[in-house]
C-alpha cells in the first residue's frame, strides 16, 4: 500500500477513503488500511490550512505596508482592496486552534522582507518595524 502512496497519491487517497467509509458502515474489508500514511495525510491537512491562513495574512500585511510606505501612489486603493481580500480569505480558512500556532510577528517580518525597495522610482517612507496589529485585529479587518 505504501508503494501506491508513493506512486499515485490520488488513487491511494481514493482507495483509503473508500476503505474508511466501508469500515464506518460496519463492512468487513479485505484490503488493509495504510494507517501510517492516513495519519500523516490527516495531519498534513491541518498544516496546509494553517499555512494558507498565514500566506493570506502575509499578503494582507504586505499590501497594507505598501499603502503606508507609498501613500501618494495611485495604487493605494488597489493595495487596500487586495489587503481586505487577503484578510477575508484568511478569515475563511482560520480555525480557533490556529490562534496558538500563528506568529504574527514572524509573518510581519516576512512581509517587511518582501517590501520592494522602490515603487515608481520612489523609496518607501518609514514603516513600523514591529507589527502594529494583533491577529484578532487582522482577522476582524476583513470587511
N, C-alpha and C. Protein backbone atom coordinates (compact mmCIF):
# COMPACT_ATOMS: atom_id res chain seq x y z
N UNK A 1 0.83 -1.20 0.00
CA UNK A 1 0.00 0.00 0.00
C UNK A 1 0.87 1.26 0.00
N UNK A 2 1.99 1.22 0.71
CA UNK A 2 2.88 2.38 0.76
C UNK A 2 3.46 2.67 -0.62
N UNK A 3 3.61 1.61 -1.44
CA UNK A 3 4.11 1.83 -2.79
C UNK A 3 3.13 2.67 -3.60
N UNK A 4 1.84 2.37 -3.48
CA UNK A 4 0.83 3.16 -4.18
C UNK A 4 0.82 4.59 -3.66
N UNK A 5 1.02 4.74 -2.37
CA UNK A 5 1.09 6.08 -1.76
C UNK A 5 2.18 6.90 -2.45
N UNK A 6 3.32 6.30 -2.68
CA UNK A 6 4.45 6.99 -3.32
C UNK A 6 4.21 7.18 -4.82
N UNK A 7 3.58 6.23 -5.46
CA UNK A 7 3.44 6.24 -6.92
C UNK A 7 2.26 7.08 -7.41
N UNK A 8 1.13 7.02 -6.69
CA UNK A 8 -0.08 7.70 -7.17
C UNK A 8 -0.95 8.07 -5.97
N UNK A 9 -0.65 9.21 -5.37
CA UNK A 9 -1.33 9.60 -4.13
C UNK A 9 -2.83 9.83 -4.34
N UNK A 10 -3.22 10.25 -5.53
CA UNK A 10 -4.65 10.43 -5.78
C UNK A 10 -5.38 9.10 -5.70
N UNK A 11 -4.87 8.09 -6.41
CA UNK A 11 -5.51 6.78 -6.37
C UNK A 11 -5.46 6.20 -4.95
N UNK A 12 -4.29 6.35 -4.29
CA UNK A 12 -4.16 5.89 -2.90
C UNK A 12 -5.22 6.53 -2.01
N UNK A 13 -5.37 7.86 -2.13
CA UNK A 13 -6.32 8.56 -1.25
C UNK A 13 -7.76 8.13 -1.53
N UNK A 14 -8.09 7.91 -2.78
CA UNK A 14 -9.44 7.45 -3.11
C UNK A 14 -9.69 6.05 -2.55
N UNK A 15 -8.70 5.18 -2.65
CA UNK A 15 -8.85 3.82 -2.11
C UNK A 15 -8.98 3.85 -0.59
N UNK A 16 -8.14 4.65 0.05
CA UNK A 16 -8.18 4.72 1.51
C UNK A 16 -9.51 5.31 1.99
N UNK A 17 -9.99 6.34 1.31
CA UNK A 17 -11.28 6.94 1.68
C UNK A 17 -12.40 5.92 1.53
N UNK A 18 -12.36 5.16 0.46
CA UNK A 18 -13.38 4.13 0.24
C UNK A 18 -13.33 3.08 1.35
N UNK A 19 -12.13 2.62 1.70
CA UNK A 19 -11.99 1.64 2.78
C UNK A 19 -12.49 2.19 4.10
N UNK A 20 -12.15 3.41 4.42
CA UNK A 20 -12.60 4.02 5.68
C UNK A 20 -14.12 4.16 5.73
N UNK A 21 -14.72 4.56 4.62
CA UNK A 21 -16.18 4.69 4.59
C UNK A 21 -16.85 3.32 4.76
N UNK A 22 -16.29 2.32 4.12
CA UNK A 22 -16.84 0.97 4.25
C UNK A 22 -16.72 0.48 5.68
N UNK A 23 -15.58 0.73 6.31
CA UNK A 23 -15.41 0.35 7.71
C UNK A 23 -16.40 1.09 8.61
N UNK A 24 -16.61 2.35 8.33
CA UNK A 24 -17.54 3.16 9.12
C UNK A 24 -18.96 2.61 9.03
N UNK A 25 -19.30 2.02 7.90
CA UNK A 25 -20.64 1.42 7.73
C UNK A 25 -20.71 0.03 8.36
N UNK A 26 -19.60 -0.43 8.92
CA UNK A 26 -19.60 -1.74 9.57
C UNK A 26 -19.23 -2.89 8.63
N UNK A 27 -18.85 -2.56 7.43
CA UNK A 27 -18.48 -3.58 6.46
C UNK A 27 -17.12 -4.19 6.81
N UNK A 28 -16.98 -5.44 6.53
CA UNK A 28 -15.66 -6.06 6.66
C UNK A 28 -14.93 -5.85 5.34
N UNK A 29 -13.72 -5.38 5.44
CA UNK A 29 -12.94 -5.16 4.21
C UNK A 29 -11.69 -6.03 4.25
N UNK A 30 -11.35 -6.55 3.09
CA UNK A 30 -10.17 -7.41 2.98
C UNK A 30 -8.89 -6.60 2.86
N UNK A 31 -8.97 -5.47 2.21
CA UNK A 31 -7.76 -4.66 2.00
C UNK A 31 -7.35 -3.99 3.30
N UNK A 32 -6.09 -3.82 3.45
CA UNK A 32 -5.52 -3.21 4.65
C UNK A 32 -5.47 -1.69 4.51
N UNK A 33 -5.90 -1.01 5.54
CA UNK A 33 -5.80 0.45 5.55
C UNK A 33 -4.36 0.81 5.86
N UNK A 34 -3.85 1.77 5.14
CA UNK A 34 -2.48 2.26 5.30
C UNK A 34 -2.47 3.31 6.41
N UNK A 35 -2.59 2.84 7.67
CA UNK A 35 -2.81 3.74 8.80
C UNK A 35 -1.71 4.79 8.96
N UNK A 36 -0.48 4.42 8.78
CA UNK A 36 0.62 5.37 8.97
C UNK A 36 0.49 6.56 8.01
N UNK A 37 0.26 6.26 6.74
CA UNK A 37 0.14 7.34 5.77
C UNK A 37 -1.19 8.08 5.89
N UNK A 38 -2.25 7.38 6.29
CA UNK A 38 -3.52 8.06 6.53
C UNK A 38 -3.35 9.10 7.64
N UNK A 39 -2.69 8.70 8.72
CA UNK A 39 -2.45 9.63 9.83
C UNK A 39 -1.61 10.82 9.37
N UNK A 40 -0.57 10.56 8.59
CA UNK A 40 0.29 11.63 8.07
C UNK A 40 -0.52 12.61 7.22
N UNK A 41 -1.38 12.09 6.37
CA UNK A 41 -2.18 12.96 5.50
C UNK A 41 -3.21 13.77 6.29
N UNK A 42 -3.80 13.17 7.30
CA UNK A 42 -4.76 13.91 8.13
C UNK A 42 -4.03 15.08 8.80
N UNK A 43 -2.84 14.81 9.32
CA UNK A 43 -2.04 15.88 9.93
C UNK A 43 -1.68 16.96 8.92
N UNK A 44 -1.36 16.54 7.71
CA UNK A 44 -0.96 17.48 6.66
C UNK A 44 -2.10 18.44 6.29
N UNK A 45 -3.32 17.97 6.39
CA UNK A 45 -4.47 18.83 6.08
C UNK A 45 -4.46 20.06 6.99
N UNK A 46 -4.24 19.83 8.27
CA UNK A 46 -4.20 20.95 9.22
C UNK A 46 -3.05 21.90 8.94
N UNK A 47 -1.87 21.34 8.65
CA UNK A 47 -0.72 22.20 8.34
C UNK A 47 -0.99 23.03 7.09
N UNK A 48 -1.59 22.42 6.10
CA UNK A 48 -1.88 23.13 4.84
C UNK A 48 -2.84 24.28 5.09
N UNK A 49 -3.87 24.05 5.88
CA UNK A 49 -4.83 25.11 6.17
C UNK A 49 -4.17 26.25 6.95
N UNK A 50 -3.32 25.91 7.93
CA UNK A 50 -2.63 26.94 8.70
C UNK A 50 -1.71 27.75 7.79
N UNK A 51 -0.98 27.07 6.94
CA UNK A 51 -0.08 27.77 6.01
C UNK A 51 -0.85 28.66 5.05
N UNK A 52 -2.02 28.22 4.62
CA UNK A 52 -2.85 29.06 3.75
C UNK A 52 -3.26 30.33 4.49
N UNK A 53 -3.69 30.18 5.72
CA UNK A 53 -4.09 31.33 6.52
C UNK A 53 -2.91 32.29 6.69
N UNK A 54 -1.75 31.74 7.00
CA UNK A 54 -0.55 32.57 7.17
C UNK A 54 -0.19 33.29 5.88
N UNK A 55 -0.30 32.59 4.77
CA UNK A 55 0.02 33.19 3.47
C UNK A 55 -0.92 34.37 3.17
N UNK A 56 -2.20 34.18 3.44
CA UNK A 56 -3.16 35.27 3.23
C UNK A 56 -2.83 36.46 4.14
N UNK A 57 -2.45 36.18 5.37
CA UNK A 57 -2.11 37.27 6.30
C UNK A 57 -0.85 38.00 5.85
N UNK A 58 0.13 37.29 5.33
CA UNK A 58 1.33 37.95 4.81
C UNK A 58 0.96 38.84 3.63
N UNK A 59 0.12 38.34 2.74
CA UNK A 59 -0.33 39.16 1.60
C UNK A 59 -1.02 40.43 2.09
N UNK A 60 -1.89 40.30 3.07
CA UNK A 60 -2.60 41.46 3.61
C UNK A 60 -1.61 42.45 4.21
N UNK A 61 -0.69 41.95 5.01
CA UNK A 61 0.30 42.83 5.64
C UNK A 61 1.16 43.53 4.60
N UNK A 62 1.58 42.79 3.59
CA UNK A 62 2.42 43.38 2.55
C UNK A 62 1.69 44.49 1.80
N UNK A 63 0.43 44.26 1.45
CA UNK A 63 -0.33 45.29 0.74
C UNK A 63 -0.57 46.51 1.64
N UNK A 64 -0.86 46.27 2.91
CA UNK A 64 -1.00 47.40 3.84
C UNK A 64 0.30 48.17 3.98
N UNK A 65 1.42 47.45 4.05
CA UNK A 65 2.73 48.11 4.15
C UNK A 65 3.02 48.96 2.91
N UNK A 66 2.69 48.44 1.73
CA UNK A 66 2.92 49.23 0.51
C UNK A 66 2.09 50.50 0.54
N UNK A 67 0.85 50.39 0.98
CA UNK A 67 -0.01 51.58 1.04
C UNK A 67 0.53 52.60 2.04
N UNK A 68 1.12 52.11 3.12
CA UNK A 68 1.68 53.01 4.12
C UNK A 68 3.01 53.60 3.67
N UNK A 69 3.81 52.80 2.99
CA UNK A 69 5.14 53.25 2.57
C UNK A 69 5.11 54.16 1.35
N UNK A 70 4.09 54.03 0.54
CA UNK A 70 3.93 54.87 -0.66
C UNK A 70 2.51 55.45 -0.68
N UNK A 71 2.18 56.30 0.27
CA UNK A 71 0.80 56.78 0.41
C UNK A 71 0.31 57.63 -0.76
N UNK A 72 1.20 58.20 -1.54
CA UNK A 72 0.77 59.04 -2.66
C UNK A 72 0.66 58.25 -3.97
N UNK A 73 0.94 56.95 -3.93
CA UNK A 73 0.84 56.14 -5.14
C UNK A 73 -0.62 56.00 -5.57
N UNK A 74 -0.82 55.99 -6.84
CA UNK A 74 -2.18 55.79 -7.36
C UNK A 74 -2.66 54.36 -7.13
N UNK A 75 -1.74 53.48 -6.72
CA UNK A 75 -2.08 52.09 -6.46
C UNK A 75 -2.66 51.84 -5.06
N UNK A 76 -2.66 52.85 -4.20
CA UNK A 76 -3.12 52.66 -2.81
C UNK A 76 -4.52 52.05 -2.74
N UNK A 77 -5.50 52.54 -3.48
CA UNK A 77 -6.83 51.90 -3.39
C UNK A 77 -6.79 50.41 -3.77
N UNK A 78 -5.99 50.09 -4.77
CA UNK A 78 -5.85 48.69 -5.19
C UNK A 78 -5.20 47.87 -4.07
N UNK A 79 -4.12 48.40 -3.47
CA UNK A 79 -3.44 47.68 -2.40
C UNK A 79 -4.37 47.47 -1.21
N UNK A 80 -5.14 48.49 -0.87
CA UNK A 80 -6.08 48.35 0.26
C UNK A 80 -7.13 47.28 -0.04
N UNK A 81 -7.62 47.28 -1.29
CA UNK A 81 -8.62 46.27 -1.68
C UNK A 81 -8.00 44.86 -1.62
N UNK A 82 -6.77 44.72 -2.10
CA UNK A 82 -6.09 43.42 -2.05
C UNK A 82 -5.87 42.98 -0.61
N UNK A 83 -5.54 43.91 0.26
CA UNK A 83 -5.34 43.59 1.68
C UNK A 83 -6.65 43.09 2.30
N UNK A 84 -7.77 43.77 1.98
CA UNK A 84 -9.06 43.33 2.51
C UNK A 84 -9.42 41.94 2.00
N UNK A 85 -9.17 41.71 0.71
CA UNK A 85 -9.46 40.40 0.13
C UNK A 85 -8.62 39.31 0.81
N UNK A 86 -7.34 39.57 1.00
CA UNK A 86 -6.47 38.59 1.64
C UNK A 86 -6.90 38.32 3.08
N UNK A 87 -7.29 39.37 3.81
CA UNK A 87 -7.78 39.15 5.19
C UNK A 87 -9.07 38.35 5.19
N UNK A 88 -9.94 38.62 4.24
CA UNK A 88 -11.17 37.84 4.13
C UNK A 88 -10.89 36.38 3.83
N UNK A 89 -9.91 36.13 2.97
CA UNK A 89 -9.51 34.75 2.69
C UNK A 89 -8.92 34.09 3.93
N UNK A 90 -8.16 34.85 4.70
CA UNK A 90 -7.59 34.31 5.95
C UNK A 90 -8.71 33.93 6.91
N UNK A 91 -9.71 34.79 7.02
CA UNK A 91 -10.85 34.51 7.90
C UNK A 91 -11.55 33.23 7.45
N UNK A 92 -11.66 33.04 6.14
CA UNK A 92 -12.38 31.87 5.62
C UNK A 92 -11.71 30.55 5.99
N UNK A 93 -10.39 30.55 6.13
CA UNK A 93 -9.70 29.30 6.45
C UNK A 93 -9.26 29.22 7.91
N UNK A 94 -9.38 30.30 8.66
CA UNK A 94 -8.94 30.34 10.05
C UNK A 94 -9.83 29.47 10.92
N UNK A 95 -9.19 28.72 11.83
CA UNK A 95 -9.91 27.97 12.84
C UNK A 95 -9.32 28.33 14.20
N UNK A 96 -10.10 28.21 15.26
CA UNK A 96 -9.62 28.63 16.59
C UNK A 96 -8.30 28.01 17.02
N UNK A 97 -8.04 26.78 16.64
CA UNK A 97 -6.80 26.13 17.08
C UNK A 97 -5.56 26.73 16.42
N UNK A 98 -5.75 27.50 15.37
CA UNK A 98 -4.61 28.17 14.72
C UNK A 98 -4.07 29.32 15.55
N UNK A 99 -4.89 29.84 16.43
CA UNK A 99 -4.52 31.03 17.21
C UNK A 99 -3.17 30.85 17.92
N UNK A 100 -2.94 29.69 18.51
CA UNK A 100 -1.69 29.46 19.24
C UNK A 100 -0.52 29.17 18.31
N UNK A 101 -0.79 28.90 17.06
CA UNK A 101 0.28 28.50 16.14
C UNK A 101 0.68 29.58 15.15
N UNK A 102 -0.10 30.64 15.05
CA UNK A 102 0.22 31.72 14.11
C UNK A 102 1.02 32.79 14.83
N UNK A 103 2.22 33.04 14.35
CA UNK A 103 3.13 34.03 14.91
C UNK A 103 3.06 35.30 14.06
N UNK A 104 2.24 36.25 14.48
CA UNK A 104 2.03 37.47 13.71
C UNK A 104 3.33 38.24 13.52
N UNK A 105 4.18 38.27 14.54
CA UNK A 105 5.45 38.98 14.41
C UNK A 105 6.30 38.38 13.30
N UNK A 106 6.33 37.06 13.21
CA UNK A 106 7.10 36.40 12.14
C UNK A 106 6.49 36.67 10.77
N UNK A 107 5.17 36.67 10.70
CA UNK A 107 4.51 36.97 9.42
C UNK A 107 4.79 38.40 8.99
N UNK A 108 4.76 39.31 9.94
CA UNK A 108 5.03 40.72 9.65
C UNK A 108 6.48 40.87 9.16
N UNK A 109 7.39 40.17 9.80
CA UNK A 109 8.79 40.21 9.39
C UNK A 109 8.94 39.73 7.94
N UNK A 110 8.23 38.68 7.59
CA UNK A 110 8.27 38.18 6.21
C UNK A 110 7.69 39.21 5.24
N UNK A 111 6.61 39.87 5.64
CA UNK A 111 6.03 40.91 4.78
C UNK A 111 7.00 42.07 4.61
N UNK A 112 7.67 42.45 5.68
CA UNK A 112 8.67 43.53 5.59
C UNK A 112 9.78 43.17 4.61
N UNK A 113 10.25 41.93 4.68
CA UNK A 113 11.32 41.49 3.77
C UNK A 113 10.86 41.49 2.31
N UNK A 114 9.57 41.31 2.09
CA UNK A 114 9.04 41.27 0.73
C UNK A 114 8.73 42.66 0.18
N UNK A 115 8.81 43.67 1.02
CA UNK A 115 8.51 45.05 0.59
C UNK A 115 9.53 45.48 -0.46
N UNK A 116 9.07 46.01 -1.58
CA UNK A 116 10.01 46.44 -2.62
C UNK A 116 10.91 47.58 -2.14
N UNK A 117 12.08 47.68 -2.75
CA UNK A 117 13.00 48.76 -2.40
C UNK A 117 12.50 50.10 -2.94
N UNK A 118 11.85 50.05 -4.10
CA UNK A 118 11.26 51.26 -4.68
C UNK A 118 9.98 50.88 -5.42
N UNK A 119 9.12 51.85 -5.56
CA UNK A 119 7.95 51.72 -6.43
C UNK A 119 7.89 53.01 -7.23
N UNK A 120 7.80 52.87 -8.54
CA UNK A 120 7.83 54.03 -9.43
C UNK A 120 9.04 54.92 -9.16
N UNK A 121 10.16 54.29 -8.84
CA UNK A 121 11.40 55.03 -8.60
C UNK A 121 11.49 55.71 -7.24
N UNK A 122 10.48 55.54 -6.41
CA UNK A 122 10.46 56.20 -5.10
C UNK A 122 10.78 55.20 -3.99
N UNK A 123 11.65 55.58 -3.07
CA UNK A 123 11.89 54.71 -1.92
C UNK A 123 10.70 54.77 -0.97
N UNK A 124 10.56 53.78 -0.11
CA UNK A 124 9.42 53.77 0.82
C UNK A 124 9.60 54.78 1.95
N UNK A 125 8.48 55.29 2.44
CA UNK A 125 8.51 56.04 3.69
C UNK A 125 8.73 55.04 4.81
N UNK A 126 9.18 55.48 5.97
CA UNK A 126 9.37 54.53 7.08
C UNK A 126 8.05 53.86 7.48
N UNK A 127 8.17 52.59 7.81
CA UNK A 127 7.03 51.82 8.30
C UNK A 127 7.43 51.21 9.64
N UNK A 128 6.47 50.84 10.46
CA UNK A 128 6.80 50.25 11.76
C UNK A 128 7.66 48.99 11.61
N UNK A 129 8.60 48.83 12.51
CA UNK A 129 9.46 47.64 12.48
C UNK A 129 8.78 46.43 13.11
N UNK A 130 7.79 46.68 13.95
CA UNK A 130 7.02 45.59 14.55
C UNK A 130 5.57 45.73 14.12
N UNK A 131 4.89 44.62 14.10
CA UNK A 131 3.51 44.61 13.60
C UNK A 131 2.61 45.46 14.50
N UNK A 132 1.91 46.42 13.92
CA UNK A 132 1.03 47.28 14.71
C UNK A 132 -0.34 46.65 15.00
N UNK A 133 -0.57 45.44 14.49
CA UNK A 133 -1.89 44.81 14.65
C UNK A 133 -1.75 43.43 15.29
N UNK A 134 -2.76 43.06 16.02
CA UNK A 134 -2.83 41.70 16.59
C UNK A 134 -3.49 40.78 15.57
N UNK A 135 -3.42 39.51 15.84
CA UNK A 135 -4.11 38.54 14.97
C UNK A 135 -5.59 38.84 14.92
N UNK A 136 -6.19 39.12 16.06
CA UNK A 136 -7.63 39.43 16.09
C UNK A 136 -7.95 40.65 15.25
N UNK A 137 -7.11 41.67 15.32
CA UNK A 137 -7.35 42.88 14.53
C UNK A 137 -7.21 42.59 13.03
N UNK A 138 -6.23 41.80 12.67
CA UNK A 138 -6.07 41.44 11.24
C UNK A 138 -7.27 40.68 10.73
N UNK A 139 -7.77 39.75 11.54
CA UNK A 139 -8.91 38.95 11.10
C UNK A 139 -10.21 39.74 11.14
N UNK A 140 -10.33 40.71 12.05
CA UNK A 140 -11.55 41.49 12.15
C UNK A 140 -11.65 42.54 11.05
N UNK A 141 -10.51 42.91 10.50
CA UNK A 141 -10.47 43.98 9.49
C UNK A 141 -10.63 43.42 8.08
N UNK A 142 -11.48 42.43 7.93
CA UNK A 142 -11.65 41.77 6.64
C UNK A 142 -12.83 42.31 5.84
N UNK A 143 -13.54 43.26 6.39
CA UNK A 143 -14.73 43.78 5.69
C UNK A 143 -14.38 44.82 4.66
